Amino acid sequence: MHIIVTGTPGTGKTTVAKMISLNLGHKYIDVNELIKQHNICDEYDKERMCTIVDADKLKKILDKLIKLSKEPLIIDSHMSHVISSKLIGLCIVTRCELKVLKQRLEQRGYSEQKVRENLDAEIFENCLTEAQENEHNVQVIDTTKLKEKPLIEQIKKWIAWTLQNLRSQP
């Protein structure tokens, strides 16, 4: 079963995705690396310090990668929820308390404007809302005080529940 991990930058997506990959033996996919490999950036926004990605091209690349994969994938990106929910078993959305998120973003050297933009995205639950709108099987993880063992146990329960529900569907 393929799993996507999405959330506002700084909420712990990569940490969670790598934990799952290591503990469950799933192949880890860093979408930022795919974006670079396939050169699907339309431009670089200097003011916001980020690349502008062609979401349609990214979706096509990810859909193809998933369809061709013979092993379970963990896909890590704040844009991973654009993938068709029909290809994904579980969508994990990382969340974080705003005070901690602000500290994490400042430690990364984000500008005041970029910190504010990401805090607003977390407040308005942008990634969660988009994942739900795309009809993903969504589970939310608070990474404020992340502990590996309980996290992995919870994810295993979600996977078992998801697989059970997939089997019971006509």
N, C-alpha and C. Protein backbone atom coordinates (compact mmCIF):
# COMPACT_ATOMS: atom_id res chain seq x y z
N MET A 1 0.84 -1.18 0.00
CA MET A 1 0.00 0.00 0.00
C MET A 1 0.89 1.25 0.00
N HIS A 2 0.58 2.19 -0.88
CA HIS A 2 1.33 3.43 -0.98
C HIS A 2 0.79 4.44 0.03
N ILE A 3 1.71 5.21 0.61
CA ILE A 3 1.36 6.21 1.61
C ILE A 3 1.96 7.55 1.18
N ILE A 4 1.16 8.61 1.28
CA ILE A 4 1.69 9.94 1.06
C ILE A 4 1.74 10.67 2.40
N VAL A 5 2.75 11.51 2.55
CA VAL A 5 2.89 12.33 3.75
C VAL A 5 2.92 13.78 3.28
N THR A 6 1.96 14.55 3.74
CA THR A 6 1.85 15.94 3.32
C THR A 6 1.66 16.82 4.55
N GLY A 7 1.82 18.10 4.38
CA GLY A 7 1.65 19.05 5.47
C GLY A 7 2.41 20.33 5.17
N THR A 8 2.14 21.32 5.94
CA THR A 8 2.81 22.61 5.80
C THR A 8 4.32 22.43 6.00
N PRO A 9 5.16 23.14 5.22
CA PRO A 9 6.60 23.06 5.46
C PRO A 9 6.93 23.32 6.93
N GLY A 10 7.82 22.47 7.46
CA GLY A 10 8.25 22.61 8.84
C GLY A 10 7.46 21.78 9.85
N THR A 11 6.40 21.11 9.40
CA THR A 11 5.58 20.34 10.34
C THR A 11 6.09 18.93 10.57
N GLY A 12 7.14 18.52 9.88
CA GLY A 12 7.72 17.21 10.15
C GLY A 12 7.44 16.14 9.11
N LYS A 13 7.07 16.53 7.91
CA LYS A 13 6.77 15.56 6.85
C LYS A 13 7.93 14.61 6.58
N THR A 14 9.08 15.18 6.36
CA THR A 14 10.24 14.36 5.99
C THR A 14 10.64 13.44 7.13
N THR A 15 10.63 13.94 8.34
CA THR A 15 10.95 13.12 9.50
C THR A 15 9.99 11.94 9.60
N VAL A 16 8.70 12.21 9.47
CA VAL A 16 7.68 11.16 9.56
C VAL A 16 7.82 10.19 8.39
N ALA A 17 7.97 10.71 7.18
CA ALA A 17 8.07 9.85 5.99
C ALA A 17 9.28 8.91 6.09
N LYS A 18 10.41 9.44 6.53
CA LYS A 18 11.62 8.61 6.66
C LYS A 18 11.47 7.59 7.78
N MET A 19 10.81 7.96 8.87
CA MET A 19 10.54 7.01 9.95
C MET A 19 9.71 5.84 9.45
N ILE A 20 8.66 6.16 8.70
CA ILE A 20 7.79 5.11 8.17
C ILE A 20 8.57 4.22 7.22
N SER A 21 9.32 4.83 6.33
CA SER A 21 10.10 4.09 5.35
C SER A 21 11.05 3.11 6.03
N LEU A 22 11.78 3.59 7.02
CA LEU A 22 12.75 2.75 7.74
C LEU A 22 12.07 1.63 8.52
N ASN A 23 10.98 1.95 9.20
CA ASN A 23 10.32 0.98 10.07
C ASN A 23 9.46 -0.03 9.33
N LEU A 24 8.90 0.38 8.19
CA LEU A 24 8.01 -0.52 7.46
C LEU A 24 8.65 -1.09 6.19
N GLY A 25 9.83 -0.61 5.84
CA GLY A 25 10.52 -1.12 4.67
C GLY A 25 9.95 -0.63 3.34
N HIS A 26 9.22 0.48 3.37
CA HIS A 26 8.68 1.06 2.14
C HIS A 26 9.76 1.93 1.47
N LYS A 27 9.71 2.03 0.17
CA LYS A 27 10.65 2.88 -0.57
C LYS A 27 10.28 4.35 -0.37
N TYR A 28 11.26 5.17 0.00
CA TYR A 28 11.06 6.60 0.25
C TYR A 28 11.23 7.39 -1.04
N ILE A 29 10.27 8.25 -1.35
CA ILE A 29 10.33 9.13 -2.52
C ILE A 29 10.27 10.58 -2.05
N ASP A 30 11.33 11.34 -2.36
CA ASP A 30 11.38 12.77 -2.06
C ASP A 30 10.92 13.51 -3.32
N VAL A 31 9.75 14.10 -3.24
CA VAL A 31 9.17 14.77 -4.41
C VAL A 31 10.02 15.94 -4.86
N ASN A 32 10.70 16.61 -3.94
CA ASN A 32 11.59 17.71 -4.34
C ASN A 32 12.68 17.22 -5.29
N GLU A 33 13.19 16.02 -5.04
CA GLU A 33 14.20 15.44 -5.94
C GLU A 33 13.59 15.12 -7.31
N LEU A 34 12.37 14.61 -7.32
CA LEU A 34 11.69 14.33 -8.60
C LEU A 34 11.50 15.62 -9.41
N ILE A 35 11.14 16.69 -8.71
CA ILE A 35 10.93 17.98 -9.36
C ILE A 35 12.22 18.43 -10.03
N LYS A 36 13.35 18.27 -9.33
CA LYS A 36 14.64 18.65 -9.89
C LYS A 36 15.02 17.74 -11.07
N GLN A 37 14.85 16.42 -10.88
CA GLN A 37 15.21 15.46 -11.93
C GLN A 37 14.44 15.69 -13.22
N HIS A 38 13.17 16.02 -13.10
CA HIS A 38 12.32 16.18 -14.28
C HIS A 38 12.19 17.64 -14.73
N ASN A 39 12.86 18.53 -14.01
CA ASN A 39 12.88 19.96 -14.36
C ASN A 39 11.47 20.49 -14.61
N ILE A 40 10.61 20.36 -13.62
CA ILE A 40 9.22 20.81 -13.80
C ILE A 40 8.92 22.08 -12.99
N CYS A 41 9.95 22.88 -12.77
CA CYS A 41 9.76 24.18 -12.13
C CYS A 41 9.50 25.21 -13.22
N ASP A 42 8.42 25.93 -13.06
CA ASP A 42 8.11 26.98 -14.02
C ASP A 42 9.04 28.17 -13.83
N GLU A 43 9.34 28.48 -12.56
CA GLU A 43 10.21 29.62 -12.25
C GLU A 43 10.58 29.59 -10.77
N TYR A 44 11.45 30.50 -10.37
CA TYR A 44 11.82 30.64 -8.97
C TYR A 44 11.29 31.97 -8.47
N ASP A 45 10.56 31.95 -7.38
CA ASP A 45 10.00 33.16 -6.77
C ASP A 45 11.00 33.65 -5.72
N LYS A 46 11.78 34.67 -6.06
CA LYS A 46 12.82 35.18 -5.16
C LYS A 46 12.23 35.74 -3.87
N GLU A 47 11.12 36.44 -3.99
CA GLU A 47 10.50 37.06 -2.82
C GLU A 47 10.04 36.01 -1.81
N ARG A 48 9.46 34.93 -2.30
CA ARG A 48 8.94 33.87 -1.42
C ARG A 48 9.97 32.76 -1.20
N MET A 49 11.12 32.84 -1.86
CA MET A 49 12.20 31.87 -1.73
C MET A 49 11.73 30.44 -2.01
N CYS A 50 11.05 30.28 -3.14
CA CYS A 50 10.57 28.93 -3.48
C CYS A 50 10.43 28.79 -4.99
N THR A 51 10.41 27.53 -5.43
CA THR A 51 10.18 27.27 -6.84
C THR A 51 8.69 27.16 -7.10
N ILE A 52 8.29 27.54 -8.29
CA ILE A 52 6.90 27.40 -8.73
C ILE A 52 6.84 26.13 -9.56
N VAL A 53 6.10 25.16 -9.10
CA VAL A 53 6.06 23.84 -9.72
C VAL A 53 4.79 23.69 -10.55
N ASP A 54 4.94 23.08 -11.72
CA ASP A 54 3.79 22.75 -12.56
C ASP A 54 3.10 21.54 -11.94
N ALA A 55 2.00 21.77 -11.24
CA ALA A 55 1.32 20.70 -10.48
C ALA A 55 0.79 19.60 -11.40
N ASP A 56 0.34 19.96 -12.60
CA ASP A 56 -0.17 18.93 -13.53
C ASP A 56 0.94 17.99 -13.98
N LYS A 57 2.11 18.54 -14.30
CA LYS A 57 3.24 17.70 -14.68
C LYS A 57 3.69 16.83 -13.52
N LEU A 58 3.72 17.41 -12.32
CA LEU A 58 4.11 16.64 -11.14
C LEU A 58 3.14 15.48 -10.93
N LYS A 59 1.86 15.75 -11.05
CA LYS A 59 0.85 14.70 -10.86
C LYS A 59 1.05 13.57 -11.86
N LYS A 60 1.33 13.88 -13.11
CA LYS A 60 1.55 12.85 -14.14
C LYS A 60 2.77 12.00 -13.81
N ILE A 61 3.84 12.65 -13.37
CA ILE A 61 5.07 11.92 -13.03
C ILE A 61 4.82 11.00 -11.84
N LEU A 62 4.17 11.52 -10.80
CA LEU A 62 3.90 10.71 -9.61
C LEU A 62 2.94 9.57 -9.91
N ASP A 63 1.89 9.84 -10.69
CA ASP A 63 0.94 8.78 -11.05
C ASP A 63 1.66 7.64 -11.78
N LYS A 64 2.53 8.00 -12.72
CA LYS A 64 3.27 6.98 -13.48
C LYS A 64 4.20 6.19 -12.57
N LEU A 65 4.92 6.90 -11.71
CA LEU A 65 5.84 6.26 -10.77
C LEU A 65 5.11 5.25 -9.89
N ILE A 66 3.96 5.65 -9.39
CA ILE A 66 3.17 4.78 -8.52
C ILE A 66 2.67 3.55 -9.28
N LYS A 67 2.14 3.78 -10.48
CA LYS A 67 1.60 2.66 -11.27
C LYS A 67 2.68 1.64 -11.63
N LEU A 68 3.91 2.10 -11.83
CA LEU A 68 5.01 1.22 -12.21
C LEU A 68 5.71 0.56 -11.02
N SER A 69 5.46 1.07 -9.83
CA SER A 69 6.16 0.56 -8.66
C SER A 69 5.68 -0.83 -8.27
N LYS A 70 6.63 -1.70 -8.02
CA LYS A 70 6.32 -3.05 -7.58
C LYS A 70 6.44 -3.18 -6.06
N GLU A 71 6.77 -2.08 -5.40
CA GLU A 71 6.91 -2.09 -3.94
C GLU A 71 6.14 -0.90 -3.36
N PRO A 72 5.76 -1.00 -2.08
CA PRO A 72 5.05 0.11 -1.44
C PRO A 72 5.93 1.35 -1.36
N LEU A 73 5.33 2.50 -1.58
CA LEU A 73 6.05 3.77 -1.57
C LEU A 73 5.59 4.66 -0.42
N ILE A 74 6.51 5.46 0.07
CA ILE A 74 6.22 6.57 0.98
C ILE A 74 6.59 7.83 0.20
N ILE A 75 5.62 8.66 -0.07
CA ILE A 75 5.84 9.85 -0.89
C ILE A 75 5.77 11.08 -0.01
N ASP A 76 6.85 11.86 -0.01
CA ASP A 76 7.04 12.99 0.90
C ASP A 76 7.02 14.31 0.15
N SER A 77 5.99 15.12 0.41
CA SER A 77 5.93 16.46 -0.18
C SER A 77 4.70 17.19 0.32
N HIS A 78 4.81 18.51 0.45
CA HIS A 78 3.61 19.27 0.81
C HIS A 78 2.64 19.34 -0.39
N MET A 79 3.05 18.79 -1.53
CA MET A 79 2.18 18.74 -2.71
C MET A 79 1.71 17.32 -3.02
N SER A 80 2.05 16.35 -2.18
CA SER A 80 1.75 14.96 -2.52
C SER A 80 0.26 14.66 -2.56
N HIS A 81 -0.56 15.48 -1.94
CA HIS A 81 -1.99 15.23 -1.96
C HIS A 81 -2.62 15.49 -3.33
N VAL A 82 -1.84 15.98 -4.31
CA VAL A 82 -2.37 16.16 -5.67
C VAL A 82 -2.52 14.81 -6.39
N ILE A 83 -1.88 13.77 -5.87
CA ILE A 83 -1.94 12.44 -6.47
C ILE A 83 -3.37 11.91 -6.34
N SER A 84 -3.80 11.18 -7.33
CA SER A 84 -5.14 10.59 -7.30
C SER A 84 -5.31 9.70 -6.08
N SER A 85 -6.40 9.87 -5.38
CA SER A 85 -6.68 9.06 -4.18
C SER A 85 -6.87 7.58 -4.53
N LYS A 86 -7.16 7.29 -5.78
CA LYS A 86 -7.33 5.89 -6.21
C LYS A 86 -6.00 5.13 -6.19
N LEU A 87 -4.87 5.85 -6.22
CA LEU A 87 -3.55 5.23 -6.24
C LEU A 87 -2.92 5.13 -4.85
N ILE A 88 -3.54 5.75 -3.86
CA ILE A 88 -2.95 5.88 -2.53
C ILE A 88 -3.84 5.23 -1.49
N GLY A 89 -3.22 4.46 -0.59
CA GLY A 89 -3.99 3.83 0.47
C GLY A 89 -4.21 4.74 1.66
N LEU A 90 -3.19 5.55 1.99
CA LEU A 90 -3.24 6.36 3.19
C LEU A 90 -2.54 7.69 2.95
N CYS A 91 -3.16 8.76 3.40
CA CYS A 91 -2.58 10.10 3.33
C CYS A 91 -2.40 10.59 4.76
N ILE A 92 -1.15 10.77 5.15
CA ILE A 92 -0.84 11.29 6.48
C ILE A 92 -0.56 12.77 6.36
N VAL A 93 -1.28 13.56 7.14
CA VAL A 93 -1.07 15.01 7.17
C VAL A 93 -0.39 15.35 8.49
N THR A 94 0.79 15.95 8.39
CA THR A 94 1.52 16.36 9.59
C THR A 94 1.04 17.74 10.01
N ARG A 95 0.86 17.89 11.32
CA ARG A 95 0.45 19.17 11.90
C ARG A 95 1.40 19.48 13.05
N CYS A 96 1.44 20.74 13.46
CA CYS A 96 2.37 21.15 14.50
C CYS A 96 1.83 22.40 15.19
N GLU A 97 2.08 22.50 16.50
CA GLU A 97 1.69 23.71 17.21
C GLU A 97 2.40 24.91 16.59
N LEU A 98 1.70 26.01 16.49
CA LEU A 98 2.22 27.18 15.78
C LEU A 98 3.53 27.72 16.37
N LYS A 99 3.64 27.74 17.69
CA LYS A 99 4.86 28.26 18.33
C LYS A 99 6.07 27.43 17.90
N VAL A 100 5.92 26.12 17.91
CA VAL A 100 7.01 25.22 17.52
C VAL A 100 7.28 25.34 16.02
N LEU A 101 6.23 25.42 15.23
CA LEU A 101 6.40 25.57 13.78
C LEU A 101 7.17 26.85 13.46
N LYS A 102 6.82 27.93 14.12
CA LYS A 102 7.51 29.21 13.90
C LYS A 102 9.01 29.06 14.20
N GLN A 103 9.33 28.40 15.31
CA GLN A 103 10.74 28.19 15.67
C GLN A 103 11.45 27.35 14.60
N ARG A 104 10.81 26.29 14.14
CA ARG A 104 11.41 25.43 13.12
C ARG A 104 11.69 26.21 11.84
N LEU A 105 10.74 27.02 11.42
CA LEU A 105 10.89 27.79 10.18
C LEU A 105 11.98 28.85 10.31
N GLU A 106 12.03 29.50 11.47
CA GLU A 106 13.08 30.50 11.70
C GLU A 106 14.46 29.84 11.73
N GLN A 107 14.55 28.64 12.31
CA GLN A 107 15.83 27.92 12.32
C GLN A 107 16.29 27.56 10.91
N ARG A 108 15.35 27.41 9.99
CA ARG A 108 15.70 27.14 8.59
C ARG A 108 16.14 28.40 7.86
N GLY A 109 16.00 29.54 8.49
CA GLY A 109 16.41 30.79 7.87
C GLY A 109 15.34 31.40 6.98
N TYR A 110 14.09 31.00 7.16
CA TYR A 110 13.00 31.56 6.36
C TYR A 110 12.83 33.04 6.70
N SER A 111 12.47 33.82 5.69
CA SER A 111 12.20 35.24 5.91
C SER A 111 10.94 35.38 6.77
N GLU A 112 10.78 36.56 7.34
CA GLU A 112 9.59 36.82 8.16
C GLU A 112 8.31 36.60 7.35
N GLN A 113 8.33 37.03 6.09
CA GLN A 113 7.15 36.86 5.22
C GLN A 113 6.87 35.37 4.96
N LYS A 114 7.92 34.60 4.71
CA LYS A 114 7.76 33.17 4.43
C LYS A 114 7.28 32.43 5.69
N VAL A 115 7.78 32.80 6.84
CA VAL A 115 7.31 32.22 8.11
C VAL A 115 5.82 32.50 8.26
N ARG A 116 5.43 33.74 8.04
CA ARG A 116 4.01 34.13 8.19
C ARG A 116 3.13 33.35 7.20
N GLU A 117 3.60 33.23 5.98
CA GLU A 117 2.85 32.51 4.95
C GLU A 117 2.61 31.05 5.36
N ASN A 118 3.65 30.41 5.88
CA ASN A 118 3.53 29.02 6.30
C ASN A 118 2.69 28.87 7.56
N LEU A 119 2.79 29.80 8.48
CA LEU A 119 1.93 29.78 9.67
C LEU A 119 0.47 29.92 9.26
N ASP A 120 0.21 30.81 8.31
CA ASP A 120 -1.16 30.98 7.81
C ASP A 120 -1.67 29.69 7.16
N ALA A 121 -0.80 29.03 6.39
CA ALA A 121 -1.18 27.77 5.75
C ALA A 121 -1.54 26.72 6.80
N GLU A 122 -0.81 26.72 7.90
CA GLU A 122 -1.10 25.77 8.99
C GLU A 122 -2.39 26.15 9.70
N ILE A 123 -2.57 27.42 9.97
CA ILE A 123 -3.80 27.89 10.64
C ILE A 123 -5.03 27.52 9.82
N PHE A 124 -4.95 27.73 8.51
CA PHE A 124 -6.10 27.48 7.64
C PHE A 124 -6.17 26.04 7.13
N GLU A 125 -5.24 25.19 7.62
CA GLU A 125 -5.24 23.76 7.31
C GLU A 125 -5.25 23.48 5.81
N ASN A 126 -4.44 24.22 5.06
CA ASN A 126 -4.43 24.10 3.60
C ASN A 126 -4.19 22.68 3.11
N CYS A 127 -3.13 22.04 3.59
CA CYS A 127 -2.81 20.69 3.10
C CYS A 127 -3.88 19.69 3.51
N LEU A 128 -4.38 19.78 4.72
CA LEU A 128 -5.44 18.89 5.19
C LEU A 128 -6.70 19.06 4.34
N THR A 129 -7.09 20.29 4.12
CA THR A 129 -8.30 20.57 3.34
C THR A 129 -8.16 20.05 1.91
N GLU A 130 -7.00 20.29 1.29
CA GLU A 130 -6.79 19.82 -0.09
C GLU A 130 -6.78 18.30 -0.16
N ALA A 131 -6.19 17.65 0.82
CA ALA A 131 -6.18 16.18 0.85
C ALA A 131 -7.61 15.65 0.99
N GLN A 132 -8.40 16.27 1.83
CA GLN A 132 -9.80 15.86 2.00
C GLN A 132 -10.60 16.13 0.73
N GLU A 133 -10.38 17.28 0.11
CA GLU A 133 -11.09 17.60 -1.14
C GLU A 133 -10.74 16.61 -2.25
N ASN A 134 -9.51 16.07 -2.22
CA ASN A 134 -9.09 15.08 -3.21
C ASN A 134 -9.48 13.65 -2.79
N GLU A 135 -10.29 13.56 -1.74
CA GLU A 135 -10.90 12.31 -1.28
C GLU A 135 -9.88 11.25 -0.84
N HIS A 136 -8.80 11.69 -0.22
CA HIS A 136 -7.82 10.76 0.33
C HIS A 136 -8.32 10.19 1.65
N ASN A 137 -7.83 9.01 1.99
CA ASN A 137 -8.03 8.41 3.30
C ASN A 137 -7.04 9.11 4.23
N VAL A 138 -7.50 10.14 4.94
CA VAL A 138 -6.62 11.05 5.67
C VAL A 138 -6.54 10.70 7.15
N GLN A 139 -5.31 10.71 7.66
CA GLN A 139 -5.04 10.63 9.08
C GLN A 139 -4.08 11.77 9.43
N VAL A 140 -4.30 12.38 10.58
CA VAL A 140 -3.50 13.54 10.99
C VAL A 140 -2.57 13.15 12.13
N ILE A 141 -1.33 13.60 12.04
CA ILE A 141 -0.34 13.37 13.10
C ILE A 141 0.17 14.71 13.59
N ASP A 142 0.13 14.90 14.90
CA ASP A 142 0.71 16.09 15.52
C ASP A 142 2.18 15.78 15.81
N THR A 143 3.06 16.51 15.18
CA THR A 143 4.51 16.25 15.30
C THR A 143 5.19 17.17 16.32
N THR A 144 4.41 17.92 17.08
CA THR A 144 4.99 18.87 18.03
C THR A 144 5.96 18.17 18.98
N LYS A 145 5.54 17.01 19.50
CA LYS A 145 6.39 16.22 20.42
C LYS A 145 6.48 14.81 19.86
N LEU A 146 7.09 14.69 18.72
CA LEU A 146 7.14 13.44 17.98
C LEU A 146 7.92 12.35 18.71
N LYS A 147 7.28 11.21 18.88
CA LYS A 147 7.93 10.03 19.48
C LYS A 147 7.77 8.88 18.50
N GLU A 148 8.90 8.31 18.11
CA GLU A 148 8.92 7.34 17.02
C GLU A 148 8.08 6.08 17.28
N LYS A 149 8.27 5.42 18.38
CA LYS A 149 7.58 4.15 18.61
C LYS A 149 6.06 4.28 18.60
N PRO A 150 5.47 5.22 19.36
CA PRO A 150 4.01 5.37 19.31
C PRO A 150 3.51 5.77 17.91
N LEU A 151 4.31 6.59 17.22
CA LEU A 151 3.93 7.00 15.87
C LEU A 151 3.85 5.79 14.94
N ILE A 152 4.86 4.96 14.95
CA ILE A 152 4.88 3.79 14.06
C ILE A 152 3.75 2.83 14.42
N GLU A 153 3.50 2.63 15.71
CA GLU A 153 2.40 1.74 16.13
C GLU A 153 1.06 2.27 15.62
N GLN A 154 0.86 3.60 15.71
CA GLN A 154 -0.39 4.19 15.22
C GLN A 154 -0.52 4.03 13.71
N ILE A 155 0.56 4.24 12.99
CA ILE A 155 0.52 4.11 11.54
C ILE A 155 0.24 2.66 11.14
N LYS A 156 0.81 1.70 11.85
CA LYS A 156 0.52 0.29 11.57
C LYS A 156 -0.96 0.00 11.75
N LYS A 157 -1.57 0.59 12.78
CA LYS A 157 -3.02 0.41 13.00
C LYS A 157 -3.81 1.03 11.85
N TRP A 158 -3.41 2.21 11.41
CA TRP A 158 -4.10 2.85 10.29
C TRP A 158 -3.99 2.01 9.02
N ILE A 159 -2.81 1.46 8.78
CA ILE A 159 -2.60 0.63 7.59
C ILE A 159 -3.49 -0.61 7.67
N ALA A 160 -3.49 -1.28 8.81
CA ALA A 160 -4.32 -2.48 8.99
C ALA A 160 -5.79 -2.15 8.78
N TRP A 161 -6.24 -1.04 9.36
CA TRP A 161 -7.63 -0.62 9.21
C TRP A 161 -7.95 -0.34 7.74
N THR A 162 -7.05 0.37 7.07
CA THR A 162 -7.25 0.70 5.65
C THR A 162 -7.31 -0.56 4.81
N LEU A 163 -6.38 -1.48 5.01
CA LEU A 163 -6.37 -2.73 4.25
C LEU A 163 -7.64 -3.53 4.50
N GLN A 164 -8.08 -3.58 5.74
CA GLN A 164 -9.32 -4.30 6.09
C GLN A 164 -10.51 -3.70 5.36
N ASN A 165 -10.58 -2.39 5.34
CA ASN A 165 -11.70 -1.69 4.67
C ASN A 165 -11.64 -1.85 3.15
N LEU A 166 -10.43 -1.89 2.59
CA LEU A 166 -10.30 -2.10 1.14
C LEU A 166 -10.78 -3.50 0.77
N ARG A 167 -10.47 -4.49 1.61
CA ARG A 167 -10.89 -5.88 1.35
C ARG A 167 -12.40 -6.04 1.45
N SER A 168 -13.02 -5.26 2.34
CA SER A 168 -14.46 -5.42 2.57
C SER A 168 -15.32 -4.67 1.56
N GLN A 169 -14.69 -3.86 0.71
CA GLN A 169 -15.45 -3.14 -0.31
C GLN A 169 -15.77 -4.06 -1.47
N PRO A 170 -16.96 -3.89 -2.07
CA PRO A 170 -17.35 -4.76 -3.21
C PRO A 170 -16.49 -4.56 -4.43
